[in-house]
Every structure is written in structure tokens, then in C-alpha cells.
């Protein structure tokens, strides 16, 4: 009995005239009368036609063949709902992170993505390792500054950079980091006076590579001036350390510079290490798409321009303890 029941069901599915109508889009030949084409398509399809300007139509029909034969129709495609809203993090300060939409940070993801983390080493002033936006992302740290701990950051710059890259995404607080998902290696190389020893930098690069960093971020730099060797801060030790990383397949990213210490602003040369071979040099663009005067520019070593004004990120909580609660999570500033 089951076989006998299946036969009429199969015949019903295959019977002519029972196919469900689908929606199709039709292109209109340039120079054709859209109204005349629409009337003809409506007659052929037996369904009302929606005009999309003077260049296309939309209509329901059982198949595309008859639609393509209408005079004035240039193409026919079946409408398939293949577009979805991109993933939007629930971090409350996302609305103030204007640059997320500018760089299409989450446009590729219809929902929170399940991806393997990338190990990123941040060579900077250390980090507030207890910050709720960062504590789960940090896997290891080391200080290359005597009598100083990597997990404290009295300068604030290292915590700020770490937040830009790796602030916890979709955790219902603070900002959204753009480098999700990320495992952080923290290398403290900035001394209390804000300076960096080439020796500390080189040892930190070596340490990061040997601890399987895939990316090394260096948001600092020294002046480069090809016209005046007395101003130029090129270091063979720094160059050798960077080459060590590059030879092992590590992506090295550095700030082109904010004209700090340069003879003039804006300054026409990328600083070091951004100007070293195979280093990705990143400069700044403003909210209106222009180049801020503080950002160095270089025809050869400026590889990428990224948002660098009014950026929100994390700061050490010890530095923001007396501020309002929201600033404990993030603060706007300029950076490149």
C-alpha cells in the first residue's frame, strides 16, 4: 500500500502547471521603453510587475525562459535572498567607534564567527593585565625593562594599543577590538621616561618570534631623515632583529609616525622601524578621510593608512580610577 500511495504523489509533483512561481529580476535594454517592456512582461508572466527605476523590473513567474524572450529584456536572474545583515557586536561603545564601519570591520560575518585566534605580540609600555577587556586575551608577557613588570602600565600606551587590537568582542561592555580573535604576547620595552632601548626592542622581537607570534605590533618609531645623518636614528641592531622575524614568516607592523621629534610637522619620511624592509608601515587618516598634520607621510614606506583620530580604546584602570565609569573602559585619542 505504501508504494501505491507514493505513485500519485510523485505524479502530482511532476505534473505540468503545478510549479511554484518564483521572483525574477529583469534588466531593460538601454533605449527600450520601460513601460512597454513592463506591460509585455506582465502579460507573459500573468503577475504584476514592479519597476526598479528605468533599468530593471521585478516579477513573479514560473520559469525564466519566457521572460528572456520579451523584446527589450537584456537579462533575467532569479532572486535569491543571499544577503544578510553583518554581525554587530553588543559592546556598548561600538556606536562611538566610527572607524569600524569605515574599515568594514565586521561586514564579512553574519554572526559571531568561530575562528582560531592569531597570536599577536605587542611591544610597548606593558599592559594592565587585570583589565576586563584584555585579561582573557593575554597568554604570556615579559618585561625587557629592568625593575619593571610587564603587567603594569603607568604610561597607558601599551594598554591602549592592546585594546585597539584585542578588546573582548561581544562581551556586553566597553569597546570592540578589531583583531578578533587574538592571543596576546606582551613585551614591555618602554622605560619610565618614555624612551626605548634598541637592545630591549631587539630582545623583545627575538622573544616574540620564539614564542610563536604571527604578528608583531610596534606602535613607536624614531626619526628618519635621509638628508641629515645627524637626525637619522637608523639602528643596525633593530634592523637585524626585524629581519630575524621576517625570515621566520612573522608579519611586522609599525607606525609610520606622528612627527614626534621630527624637525617639522608634517614630516615627509616614515620613521624606523616602519622604514625597514618588509615592515608594514601604517599612517593615519582622519574621520573626514584627510591626512592629519601630525601623521608622517612617505612615498615609499607608507604602506597603509588607517583611522587614527578620535580612537576609543582601553586604558589602565589605575590611570582612570578617578574618572567616570565609562572612561575606565575606553577613551578617545589620536594615534597612528
C-alpha atoms as a PDB file:
ATOM      1  CA  UNK A   1       0.000   0.000   0.000  1.00  0.00           C
ATOM      2  CA  UNK A   2       2.841   2.413   0.712  1.00  0.00           C
ATOM      3  CA  UNK A   3       4.207   2.034  -2.817  1.00  0.00           C
ATOM      4  CA  UNK A   4       0.817   2.636  -4.353  1.00  0.00           C
ATOM      5  CA  UNK A   5       0.353   5.797  -2.332  1.00  0.00           C
ATOM      6  CA  UNK A   6       3.707   7.177  -3.443  1.00  0.00           C
ATOM      7  CA  UNK A   7       2.936   6.988  -7.162  1.00  0.00           C
ATOM      8  CA  UNK A   8       0.187   9.616  -7.310  1.00  0.00           C
ATOM      9  CA  UNK A   9       2.208  11.895  -5.031  1.00  0.00           C
ATOM     10  CA  UNK A  10       5.168  11.754  -7.418  1.00  0.00           C
ATOM     11  CA  UNK A  11       2.889  12.342 -10.389  1.00  0.00           C
ATOM     12  CA  UNK A  12       1.394  15.349  -8.659  1.00  0.00           C
ATOM     13  CA  UNK A  13       4.806  16.895  -8.063  1.00  0.00           C
ATOM     14  CA  UNK A  14       5.836  16.320 -11.674  1.00  0.00           C
ATOM     15  CA  UNK A  15       2.552  17.407 -13.224  1.00  0.00           C
ATOM     16  CA  UNK A  16       2.715  20.396 -15.614  1.00  0.00           C
ATOM     17  CA  UNK A  17       1.417  23.708 -14.289  1.00  0.00           C
ATOM     18  CA  UNK A  18       1.970  22.895 -10.623  1.00  0.00           C
ATOM     19  CA  UNK A  19       5.416  24.513 -10.272  1.00  0.00           C
ATOM     20  CA  UNK A  20       5.580  27.308  -7.727  1.00  0.00           C
ATOM     21  CA  UNK A  21       6.169  30.796  -9.071  1.00  0.00           C
ATOM     22  CA  UNK A  22       9.475  32.404  -8.122  1.00  0.00           C
ATOM     23  CA  UNK A  23      10.550  36.021  -8.248  1.00  0.00           C
ATOM     24  CA  UNK A  24      12.839  37.146 -11.053  1.00  0.00           C
ATOM     25  CA  UNK A  25      14.688  40.359 -11.823  1.00  0.00           C
ATOM     26  CA  UNK A  26      14.943  41.541 -15.433  1.00  0.00           C
ATOM     27  CA  UNK A  27      17.305  44.051 -16.968  1.00  0.00           C
ATOM     28  CA  UNK A  28      15.946  46.574 -19.509  1.00  0.00           C
ATOM     29  CA  UNK A  29      17.935  47.271 -22.648  1.00  0.00           C
ATOM     30  CA  UNK A  30      19.312  50.797 -22.822  1.00  0.00           C
ATOM     31  CA  UNK A  31      16.970  52.810 -25.031  1.00  0.00           C
ATOM     32  CA  UNK A  32      13.981  50.491 -24.578  1.00  0.00           C
ATOM     33  CA  UNK A  33      10.691  51.876 -23.278  1.00  0.00           C
ATOM     34  CA  UNK A  34      10.442  50.636 -19.652  1.00  0.00           C
ATOM     35  CA  UNK A  35       6.660  50.940 -19.633  1.00  0.00           C
ATOM     36  CA  UNK A  36       6.259  48.893 -22.815  1.00  0.00           C
ATOM     37  CA  UNK A  37       8.647  46.222 -21.529  1.00  0.00           C
ATOM     38  CA  UNK A  38       6.791  46.097 -18.202  1.00  0.00           C
ATOM     39  CA  UNK A  39       3.423  45.615 -19.934  1.00  0.00           C
ATOM     40  CA  UNK A  40       4.785  42.797 -22.080  1.00  0.00           C
ATOM     41  CA  UNK A  41       6.423  41.075 -19.098  1.00  0.00           C
ATOM     42  CA  UNK A  42       3.191  41.337 -17.123  1.00  0.00           C
ATOM     43  CA  UNK A  43       1.266  39.731 -19.961  1.00  0.00           C
ATOM     44  CA  UNK A  44       3.764  36.880 -20.273  1.00  0.00           C
ATOM     45  CA  UNK A  45       4.089  36.190 -16.544  1.00  0.00           C
ATOM     46  CA  UNK A  46       0.490  36.777 -15.520  1.00  0.00           C
ATOM     47  CA  UNK A  47       1.701  38.673 -12.441  1.00  0.00           C
ATOM     48  CA  UNK A  48       2.056  42.376 -11.579  1.00  0.00           C
ATOM     49  CA  UNK A  49       5.410  43.942 -12.409  1.00  0.00           C
ATOM     50  CA  UNK A  50       7.474  46.179 -10.130  1.00  0.00           C
ATOM     51  CA  UNK A  51       9.642  48.721 -11.926  1.00  0.00           C
ATOM     52  CA  UNK A  52      13.073  49.464 -10.485  1.00  0.00           C
ATOM     53  CA  UNK A  53      13.888  52.823 -11.997  1.00  0.00           C
ATOM     54  CA  UNK A  54      14.302  52.677 -15.767  1.00  0.00           C
ATOM     55  CA  UNK A  55      16.887  49.882 -15.754  1.00  0.00           C
ATOM     56  CA  UNK A  56      15.197  46.811 -14.246  1.00  0.00           C
ATOM     57  CA  UNK A  57      11.939  45.043 -13.378  1.00  0.00           C
ATOM     58  CA  UNK A  58      10.892  42.548 -10.748  1.00  0.00           C
ATOM     59  CA  UNK A  59       8.115  39.985 -11.310  1.00  0.00           C
ATOM     60  CA  UNK A  60       6.889  36.585 -10.189  1.00  0.00           C
ATOM     61  CA  UNK A  61       6.882  33.819 -12.806  1.00  0.00           C
ATOM     62  CA  UNK A  62       7.038  30.026 -13.037  1.00  0.00           C
ATOM     63  CA  UNK A  63      10.219  29.972 -15.133  1.00  0.00           C
ATOM     64  CA  UNK A  64      12.694  32.380 -16.709  1.00  0.00           C
ATOM     65  CA  UNK A  65      12.542  31.208 -20.336  1.00  0.00           C
ATOM     66  CA  UNK A  66       9.537  33.202 -21.493  1.00  0.00           C
ATOM     67  CA  UNK A  67      10.744  36.327 -19.678  1.00  0.00           C
ATOM     68  CA  UNK A  68      14.062  36.341 -21.519  1.00  0.00           C
ATOM     69  CA  UNK A  69      12.310  36.315 -24.883  1.00  0.00           C
ATOM     70  CA  UNK A  70      10.472  39.585 -24.222  1.00  0.00           C
ATOM     71  CA  UNK A  71      11.653  42.365 -26.522  1.00  0.00           C
ATOM     72  CA  UNK A  72      13.689  44.893 -24.545  1.00  0.00           C
ATOM     73  CA  UNK A  73      14.804  42.485 -21.780  1.00  0.00           C
ATOM     74  CA  UNK A  74      18.612  42.251 -21.569  1.00  0.00           C
ATOM     75  CA  UNK A  75      18.998  39.697 -18.777  1.00  0.00           C
ATOM     76  CA  UNK A  76      16.984  37.589 -16.318  1.00  0.00           C
ATOM     77  CA  UNK A  77      18.073  36.284 -12.921  1.00  0.00           C
ATOM     78  CA  UNK A  78      16.208  34.501 -10.169  1.00  0.00           C
ATOM     79  CA  UNK A  79      16.063  36.436  -6.915  1.00  0.00           C
ATOM     80  CA  UNK A  80      17.727  34.583  -4.064  1.00  0.00           C
ATOM     81  CA  UNK A  81      17.938  36.119  -0.577  1.00  0.00           C
ATOM     82  CA  UNK A  82      21.709  35.686  -0.337  1.00  0.00           C
ATOM     83  CA  UNK A  83      22.440  38.896   1.584  1.00  0.00           C
ATOM     84  CA  UNK A  84      22.304  39.102   5.364  1.00  0.00           C
ATOM     85  CA  UNK A  85      22.939  41.738   7.968  1.00  0.00           C
ATOM     86  CA  UNK A  86      26.545  41.678   9.108  1.00  0.00           C
ATOM     87  CA  UNK A  87      27.419  40.815  12.671  1.00  0.00           C
ATOM     88  CA  UNK A  88      27.068  43.732  15.093  1.00  0.00           C
ATOM     89  CA  UNK A  89      28.848  43.380  18.457  1.00  0.00           C
ATOM     90  CA  UNK A  90      26.889  44.085  21.628  1.00  0.00           C
ATOM     91  CA  UNK A  91      29.719  46.137  23.147  1.00  0.00           C
ATOM     92  CA  UNK A  92      28.007  49.388  24.216  1.00  0.00           C
ATOM     93  CA  UNK A  93      30.654  51.781  22.877  1.00  0.00           C
ATOM     94  CA  UNK A  94      30.609  50.357  19.353  1.00  0.00           C
ATOM     95  CA  UNK A  95      28.400  53.241  18.217  1.00  0.00           C
ATOM     96  CA  UNK A  96      31.221  55.655  19.095  1.00  0.00           C
ATOM     97  CA  UNK A  97      33.842  53.642  17.223  1.00  0.00           C
ATOM     98  CA  UNK A  98      33.247  55.462  13.925  1.00  0.00           C
ATOM     99  CA  UNK A  99      36.133  53.674  12.239  1.00  0.00           C
ATOM    100  CA  UNK A 100      34.580  50.199  12.489  1.00  0.00           C
ATOM    101  CA  UNK A 101      32.204  50.945   9.637  1.00  0.00           C
ATOM    102  CA  UNK A 102      34.917  52.796   7.719  1.00  0.00           C
ATOM    103  CA  UNK A 103      37.143  49.712   7.635  1.00  0.00           C
ATOM    104  CA  UNK A 104      34.183  47.280   7.327  1.00  0.00           C
ATOM    105  CA  UNK A 105      35.430  45.521  10.457  1.00  0.00           C
ATOM    106  CA  UNK A 106      32.568  43.038  10.787  1.00  0.00           C
ATOM    107  CA  UNK A 107      30.922  43.140   7.371  1.00  0.00           C
ATOM    108  CA  UNK A 108      32.115  39.652   6.424  1.00  0.00           C
ATOM    109  CA  UNK A 109      30.397  37.971   9.348  1.00  0.00           C
ATOM    110  CA  UNK A 110      26.607  37.425   9.519  1.00  0.00           C
ATOM    111  CA  UNK A 111      27.032  36.183  13.090  1.00  0.00           C
ATOM    112  CA  UNK A 112      29.726  35.959  15.732  1.00  0.00           C
ATOM    113  CA  UNK A 113      32.486  33.995  13.986  1.00  0.00           C
ATOM    114  CA  UNK A 114      34.162  30.913  15.385  1.00  0.00           C
ATOM    115  CA  UNK A 115      37.769  31.406  14.308  1.00  0.00           C
ATOM    116  CA  UNK A 116      41.139  30.223  15.560  1.00  0.00           C
ATOM    117  CA  UNK A 117      42.991  33.027  17.382  1.00  0.00           C
ATOM    118  CA  UNK A 118      46.038  34.730  15.905  1.00  0.00           C
ATOM    119  CA  UNK A 119      48.987  35.258  18.237  1.00  0.00           C
ATOM    120  CA  UNK A 120      49.992  38.937  18.255  1.00  0.00           C
ATOM    121  CA  UNK A 121      52.960  40.358  20.143  1.00  0.00           C
ATOM    122  CA  UNK A 122      52.615  43.945  21.354  1.00  0.00           C
ATOM    123  CA  UNK A 123      55.948  45.639  22.028  1.00  0.00           C
ATOM    124  CA  UNK A 124      55.078  48.662  24.106  1.00  0.00           C
ATOM    125  CA  UNK A 125      54.766  50.023  27.655  1.00  0.00           C
ATOM    126  CA  UNK A 126      53.237  46.895  29.141  1.00  0.00           C
ATOM    127  CA  UNK A 127      49.548  46.334  29.834  1.00  0.00           C
ATOM    128  CA  UNK A 128      47.002  46.403  32.624  1.00  0.00           C
ATOM    129  CA  UNK A 129      46.660  42.627  32.791  1.00  0.00           C
ATOM    130  CA  UNK A 130      43.595  42.838  35.057  1.00  0.00           C
ATOM    131  CA  UNK A 131      41.586  44.932  32.625  1.00  0.00           C
ATOM    132  CA  UNK A 132      38.317  43.048  31.937  1.00  0.00           C
ATOM    133  CA  UNK A 133      38.577  43.755  28.202  1.00  0.00           C
ATOM    134  CA  UNK A 134      42.051  42.198  27.957  1.00  0.00           C
ATOM    135  CA  UNK A 135      42.690  39.682  30.720  1.00  0.00           C
ATOM    136  CA  UNK A 136      41.343  36.678  28.808  1.00  0.00           C
ATOM    137  CA  UNK A 137      43.336  37.507  25.684  1.00  0.00           C
ATOM    138  CA  UNK A 138      46.790  37.642  27.319  1.00  0.00           C
ATOM    139  CA  UNK A 139      48.666  34.360  27.215  1.00  0.00           C
ATOM    140  CA  UNK A 140      52.151  35.470  28.270  1.00  0.00           C
ATOM    141  CA  UNK A 141      54.220  38.551  28.979  1.00  0.00           C
ATOM    142  CA  UNK A 142      57.760  39.629  29.717  1.00  0.00           C
ATOM    143  CA  UNK A 143      59.460  42.857  30.666  1.00  0.00           C
ATOM    144  CA  UNK A 144      62.698  43.919  29.000  1.00  0.00           C
ATOM    145  CA  UNK A 145      62.951  46.965  31.240  1.00  0.00           C
ATOM    146  CA  UNK A 146      64.913  46.484  34.489  1.00  0.00           C
ATOM    147  CA  UNK A 147      62.885  46.594  37.701  1.00  0.00           C
ATOM    148  CA  UNK A 148      59.600  46.864  35.838  1.00  0.00           C
ATOM    149  CA  UNK A 149      56.739  44.409  35.380  1.00  0.00           C
ATOM    150  CA  UNK A 150      55.065  43.733  32.039  1.00  0.00           C
ATOM    151  CA  UNK A 151      51.620  43.513  33.649  1.00  0.00           C
ATOM    152  CA  UNK A 152      51.573  47.102  34.881  1.00  0.00           C
ATOM    153  CA  UNK A 153      51.362  50.086  32.558  1.00  0.00           C
ATOM    154  CA  UNK A 154      51.920  53.501  34.093  1.00  0.00           C
ATOM    155  CA  UNK A 155      52.286  55.072  30.641  1.00  0.00           C
ATOM    156  CA  UNK A 156      48.973  53.785  29.251  1.00  0.00           C
ATOM    157  CA  UNK A 157      50.053  53.472  25.629  1.00  0.00           C
ATOM    158  CA  UNK A 158      50.518  49.710  25.675  1.00  0.00           C
ATOM    159  CA  UNK A 159      47.079  49.097  27.172  1.00  0.00           C
ATOM    160  CA  UNK A 160      45.570  51.475  24.633  1.00  0.00           C
ATOM    161  CA  UNK A 161      47.160  49.632  21.701  1.00  0.00           C
ATOM    162  CA  UNK A 162      46.191  46.250  23.162  1.00  0.00           C
ATOM    163  CA  UNK A 163      42.578  47.382  23.371  1.00  0.00           C
ATOM    164  CA  UNK A 164      42.501  48.526  19.767  1.00  0.00           C
ATOM    165  CA  UNK A 165      43.674  45.128  18.660  1.00  0.00           C
ATOM    166  CA  UNK A 166      42.162  42.713  21.125  1.00  0.00           C
ATOM    167  CA  UNK A 167      39.496  44.208  23.403  1.00  0.00           C
ATOM    168  CA  UNK A 168      36.994  41.445  24.106  1.00  0.00           C
ATOM    169  CA  UNK A 169      34.369  41.276  21.379  1.00  0.00           C
ATOM    170  CA  UNK A 170      30.647  40.889  22.041  1.00  0.00           C
ATOM    171  CA  UNK A 171      31.067  40.793  25.825  1.00  0.00           C
ATOM    172  CA  UNK A 172      28.494  43.482  26.574  1.00  0.00           C
ATOM    173  CA  UNK A 173      30.957  46.041  27.893  1.00  0.00           C
ATOM    174  CA  UNK A 174      33.365  48.693  26.640  1.00  0.00           C
ATOM    175  CA  UNK A 175      34.586  48.662  23.061  1.00  0.00           C
ATOM    176  CA  UNK A 176      35.057  46.039  20.361  1.00  0.00           C
ATOM    177  CA  UNK A 177      38.594  45.118  19.349  1.00  0.00           C
ATOM    178  CA  UNK A 178      39.156  44.843  15.610  1.00  0.00           C
ATOM    179  CA  UNK A 179      41.608  41.923  15.663  1.00  0.00           C
ATOM    180  CA  UNK A 180      39.272  39.183  16.871  1.00  0.00           C
ATOM    181  CA  UNK A 181      40.094  36.589  17.953  1.00  0.00           C
ATOM    182  CA  UNK A 182      43.571  37.354  19.268  1.00  0.00           C
ATOM    183  CA  UNK A 183      46.015  35.822  21.710  1.00  0.00           C
ATOM    184  CA  UNK A 184      48.341  38.474  23.093  1.00  0.00           C
ATOM    185  CA  UNK A 185      52.029  38.306  23.898  1.00  0.00           C
ATOM    186  CA  UNK A 186      53.004  41.397  25.889  1.00  0.00           C
ATOM    187  CA  UNK A 187      56.602  42.619  25.726  1.00  0.00           C
ATOM    188  CA  UNK A 188      57.374  45.671  27.831  1.00  0.00           C
ATOM    189  CA  UNK A 189      60.171  47.756  26.307  1.00  0.00           C
ATOM    190  CA  UNK A 190      59.244  51.360  27.183  1.00  0.00           C
ATOM    191  CA  UNK A 191      61.193  52.859  30.075  1.00  0.00           C
ATOM    192  CA  UNK A 192      59.698  55.192  32.664  1.00  0.00           C
ATOM    193  CA  UNK A 193      60.866  58.261  30.706  1.00  0.00           C
ATOM    194  CA  UNK A 194      59.064  57.046  27.565  1.00  0.00           C
ATOM    195  CA  UNK A 195      62.206  56.020  25.665  1.00  0.00           C
ATOM    196  CA  UNK A 196      63.022  52.631  24.162  1.00  0.00           C
ATOM    197  CA  UNK A 197      66.425  50.996  24.082  1.00  0.00           C
ATOM    198  CA  UNK A 198      67.297  49.275  20.776  1.00  0.00           C
ATOM    199  CA  UNK A 199      68.693  46.427  22.864  1.00  0.00           C
ATOM    200  CA  UNK A 200      65.349  45.932  24.665  1.00  0.00           C
ATOM    201  CA  UNK A 201      63.462  46.163  21.383  1.00  0.00           C
ATOM    202  CA  UNK A 202      65.697  43.588  19.696  1.00  0.00           C
ATOM    203  CA  UNK A 203      65.446  41.134  22.596  1.00  0.00           C
ATOM    204  CA  UNK A 204      61.668  41.563  22.655  1.00  0.00           C
ATOM    205  CA  UNK A 205      61.378  40.839  18.934  1.00  0.00           C
ATOM    206  CA  UNK A 206      63.510  37.705  19.363  1.00  0.00           C
ATOM    207  CA  UNK A 207      61.369  36.602  22.324  1.00  0.00           C
ATOM    208  CA  UNK A 208      58.113  37.189  20.444  1.00  0.00           C
ATOM    209  CA  UNK A 209      59.266  35.181  17.427  1.00  0.00           C
ATOM    210  CA  UNK A 210      60.465  32.334  19.613  1.00  0.00           C
ATOM    211  CA  UNK A 211      57.076  32.312  21.361  1.00  0.00           C
ATOM    212  CA  UNK A 212      55.260  31.753  18.075  1.00  0.00           C
ATOM    213  CA  UNK A 213      53.961  35.247  17.394  1.00  0.00           C
ATOM    214  CA  UNK A 214      52.410  35.509  13.949  1.00  0.00           C
ATOM    215  CA  UNK A 215      52.241  39.307  14.094  1.00  0.00           C
ATOM    216  CA  UNK A 216      54.460  41.811  15.900  1.00  0.00           C
ATOM    217  CA  UNK A 217      52.989  45.258  16.502  1.00  0.00           C
ATOM    218  CA  UNK A 218      55.318  48.192  17.175  1.00  0.00           C
ATOM    219  CA  UNK A 219      53.431  51.453  17.642  1.00  0.00           C
ATOM    220  CA  UNK A 220      56.519  53.582  18.079  1.00  0.00           C
ATOM    221  CA  UNK A 221      59.326  54.952  15.977  1.00  0.00           C
ATOM    222  CA  UNK A 222      62.478  57.001  15.621  1.00  0.00           C
ATOM    223  CA  UNK A 223      63.124  59.874  13.227  1.00  0.00           C
ATOM    224  CA  UNK A 224      64.296  59.078   9.726  1.00  0.00           C
ATOM    225  CA  UNK A 225      65.981  61.895   7.770  1.00  0.00           C
ATOM    226  CA  UNK A 226      67.894  60.805   4.649  1.00  0.00           C
ATOM    227  CA  UNK A 227      69.078  64.384   4.132  1.00  0.00           C
ATOM    228  CA  UNK A 228      70.672  64.790   7.561  1.00  0.00           C
ATOM    229  CA  UNK A 229      72.541  61.799   9.050  1.00  0.00           C
ATOM    230  CA  UNK A 230      72.800  63.589  12.401  1.00  0.00           C
ATOM    231  CA  UNK A 231      68.995  63.467  12.704  1.00  0.00           C
ATOM    232  CA  UNK A 232      68.604  59.918  11.394  1.00  0.00           C
ATOM    233  CA  UNK A 233      68.108  57.187  14.021  1.00  0.00           C
ATOM    234  CA  UNK A 234      68.742  54.061  11.932  1.00  0.00           C
ATOM    235  CA  UNK A 235      69.851  51.110  14.071  1.00  0.00           C
ATOM    236  CA  UNK A 236      71.573  48.028  12.678  1.00  0.00           C
ATOM    237  CA  UNK A 237      70.528  46.094  15.760  1.00  0.00           C
ATOM    238  CA  UNK A 238      66.869  46.953  15.199  1.00  0.00           C
ATOM    239  CA  UNK A 239      67.158  46.066  11.511  1.00  0.00           C
ATOM    240  CA  UNK A 240      68.757  42.712  12.312  1.00  0.00           C
ATOM    241  CA  UNK A 241      66.031  41.860  14.834  1.00  0.00           C
ATOM    242  CA  UNK A 242      63.279  42.748  12.373  1.00  0.00           C
ATOM    243  CA  UNK A 243      64.967  40.642   9.708  1.00  0.00           C
ATOM    244  CA  UNK A 244      65.049  37.727  12.171  1.00  0.00           C
ATOM    245  CA  UNK A 245      61.274  37.978  12.464  1.00  0.00           C
ATOM    246  CA  UNK A 246      60.669  38.409   8.732  1.00  0.00           C
ATOM    247  CA  UNK A 247      62.870  35.420   7.878  1.00  0.00           C
ATOM    248  CA  UNK A 248      60.604  33.274  10.052  1.00  0.00           C
ATOM    249  CA  UNK A 249      57.389  34.385   8.401  1.00  0.00           C
ATOM    250  CA  UNK A 250      56.245  36.858  11.057  1.00  0.00           C
ATOM    251  CA  UNK A 251      54.272  39.904   9.907  1.00  0.00           C
ATOM    252  CA  UNK A 252      55.880  43.016  11.387  1.00  0.00           C
ATOM    253  CA  UNK A 253      53.665  46.124  11.628  1.00  0.00           C
ATOM    254  CA  UNK A 254      54.913  49.547  12.737  1.00  0.00           C
ATOM    255  CA  UNK A 255      53.641  53.107  12.957  1.00  0.00           C
ATOM    256  CA  UNK A 256      54.857  55.421  10.192  1.00  0.00           C
ATOM    257  CA  UNK A 257      54.985  58.012  12.969  1.00  0.00           C
ATOM    258  CA  UNK A 258      53.385  61.096  14.451  1.00  0.00           C
ATOM    259  CA  UNK A 259      56.254  63.508  13.670  1.00  0.00           C
ATOM    260  CA  UNK A 260      57.421  63.152  17.288  1.00  0.00           C
ATOM    261  CA  UNK A 261      60.912  64.596  17.432  1.00  0.00           C
ATOM    262  CA  UNK A 262      60.947  65.344  13.697  1.00  0.00           C
ATOM    263  CA  UNK A 263      62.296  68.722  12.525  1.00  0.00           C
ATOM    264  CA  UNK A 264      58.899  69.669  11.066  1.00  0.00           C
ATOM    265  CA  UNK A 265      55.242  68.662  11.109  1.00  0.00           C
ATOM    266  CA  UNK A 266      54.005  67.143   8.914  1.00  0.00           C
ATOM    267  CA  UNK A 267      57.159  65.142   8.237  1.00  0.00           C
ATOM    268  CA  UNK A 268      57.811  63.606   4.832  1.00  0.00           C
ATOM    269  CA  UNK A 269      59.568  60.433   5.942  1.00  0.00           C
ATOM    270  CA  UNK A 270      58.370  57.312   7.728  1.00  0.00           C
ATOM    271  CA  UNK A 271      60.222  56.626  10.939  1.00  0.00           C
ATOM    272  CA  UNK A 272      62.063  53.472  11.966  1.00  0.00           C
ATOM    273  CA  UNK A 273      61.249  50.602  12.164  1.00  0.00           C
ATOM    274  CA  UNK A 274      58.406  51.304   9.661  1.00  0.00           C
ATOM    275  CA  UNK A 275      61.002  52.223   7.012  1.00  0.00           C
ATOM    276  CA  UNK A 276      62.838  48.890   7.305  1.00  0.00           C
ATOM    277  CA  UNK A 277      62.447  46.233   4.577  1.00  0.00           C
ATOM    278  CA  UNK A 278      59.295  44.090   4.746  1.00  0.00           C
ATOM    279  CA  UNK A 279      57.769  46.055   7.631  1.00  0.00           C
ATOM    280  CA  UNK A 280      54.167  47.187   7.066  1.00  0.00           C
ATOM    281  CA  UNK A 281      54.187  50.929   7.730  1.00  0.00           C
ATOM    282  CA  UNK A 282      50.846  52.343   8.907  1.00  0.00           C
ATOM    283  CA  UNK A 283      49.973  56.039   8.801  1.00  0.00           C
ATOM    284  CA  UNK A 284      46.862  57.894   9.928  1.00  0.00           C
ATOM    285  CA  UNK A 285      43.715  59.197   8.271  1.00  0.00           C
ATOM    286  CA  UNK A 286      41.134  61.377   9.974  1.00  0.00           C
ATOM    287  CA  UNK A 287      37.418  60.934  10.314  1.00  0.00           C
ATOM    288  CA  UNK A 288      36.836  63.012   7.165  1.00  0.00           C
ATOM    289  CA  UNK A 289      39.296  60.916   5.155  1.00  0.00           C
ATOM    290  CA  UNK A 290      42.062  63.524   5.093  1.00  0.00           C
ATOM    291  CA  UNK A 291      45.610  63.060   6.385  1.00  0.00           C
ATOM    292  CA  UNK A 292      46.125  64.697   9.808  1.00  0.00           C
ATOM    293  CA  UNK A 293      49.082  67.076  10.002  1.00  0.00           C
ATOM    294  CA  UNK A 294      50.619  65.050  12.831  1.00  0.00           C
ATOM    295  CA  UNK A 295      50.938  61.912  10.693  1.00  0.00           C
ATOM    296  CA  UNK A 296      54.170  61.255   8.811  1.00  0.00           C
ATOM    297  CA  UNK A 297      53.848  60.569   5.116  1.00  0.00           C
ATOM    298  CA  UNK A 298      56.273  58.721   2.862  1.00  0.00           C
ATOM    299  CA  UNK A 299      56.021  57.838  -0.837  1.00  0.00           C
ATOM    300  CA  UNK A 300      57.940  54.598  -0.325  1.00  0.00           C
ATOM    301  CA  UNK A 301      57.401  53.261   3.170  1.00  0.00           C
ATOM    302  CA  UNK A 302      53.827  54.322   3.903  1.00  0.00           C
ATOM    303  CA  UNK A 303      52.080  51.047   3.088  1.00  0.00           C
ATOM    304  CA  UNK A 304      48.637  51.519   4.660  1.00  0.00           C
ATOM    305  CA  UNK A 305      46.641  54.444   6.033  1.00  0.00           C
ATOM    306  CA  UNK A 306      44.279  53.593   8.889  1.00  0.00           C
ATOM    307  CA  UNK A 307      41.893  55.595  11.084  1.00  0.00           C
ATOM    308  CA  UNK A 308      43.959  57.472  13.651  1.00  0.00           C
ATOM    309  CA  UNK A 309      41.819  60.246  15.114  1.00  0.00           C
ATOM    310  CA  UNK A 310      39.269  60.067  17.948  1.00  0.00           C
ATOM    311  CA  UNK A 311      40.033  56.382  18.526  1.00  0.00           C
ATOM    312  CA  UNK A 312      38.439  54.689  21.538  1.00  0.00           C
ATOM    313  CA  UNK A 313      40.421  52.117  23.437  1.00  0.00           C
ATOM    314  CA  UNK A 314      41.309  50.741  26.843  1.00  0.00           C
ATOM    315  CA  UNK A 315      43.435  52.455  29.495  1.00  0.00           C
ATOM    316  CA  UNK A 316      44.934  51.108  32.718  1.00  0.00           C
ATOM    317  CA  UNK A 317      42.290  51.305  35.393  1.00  0.00           C
ATOM    318  CA  UNK A 318      44.797  52.823  37.808  1.00  0.00           C
ATOM    319  CA  UNK A 319      45.027  55.842  35.497  1.00  0.00           C
ATOM    320  CA  UNK A 320      41.260  56.259  35.204  1.00  0.00           C
ATOM    321  CA  UNK A 321      40.218  55.432  38.760  1.00  0.00           C
ATOM    322  CA  UNK A 322      39.040  58.974  39.462  1.00  0.00           C
ATOM    323  CA  UNK A 323      37.205  59.359  36.143  1.00  0.00           C
ATOM    324  CA  UNK A 324      33.605  58.481  35.379  1.00  0.00           C
ATOM    325  CA  UNK A 325      32.909  54.723  35.000  1.00  0.00           C
ATOM    326  CA  UNK A 326      32.644  54.719  31.195  1.00  0.00           C
ATOM    327  CA  UNK A 327      36.157  56.079  30.794  1.00  0.00           C
ATOM    328  CA  UNK A 328      37.526  53.101  32.680  1.00  0.00           C
ATOM    329  CA  UNK A 329      36.759  51.038  29.620  1.00  0.00           C
ATOM    330  CA  UNK A 330      37.710  53.396  26.823  1.00  0.00           C
ATOM    331  CA  UNK A 331      38.915  56.838  25.920  1.00  0.00           C
ATOM    332  CA  UNK A 332      39.161  58.686  22.600  1.00  0.00           C
ATOM    333  CA  UNK A 333      42.524  59.857  21.356  1.00  0.00           C
ATOM    334  CA  UNK A 334      44.648  60.302  18.239  1.00  0.00           C
ATOM    335  CA  UNK A 335      47.172  57.679  17.207  1.00  0.00           C
ATOM    336  CA  UNK A 336      48.968  56.277  14.191  1.00  0.00           C
END
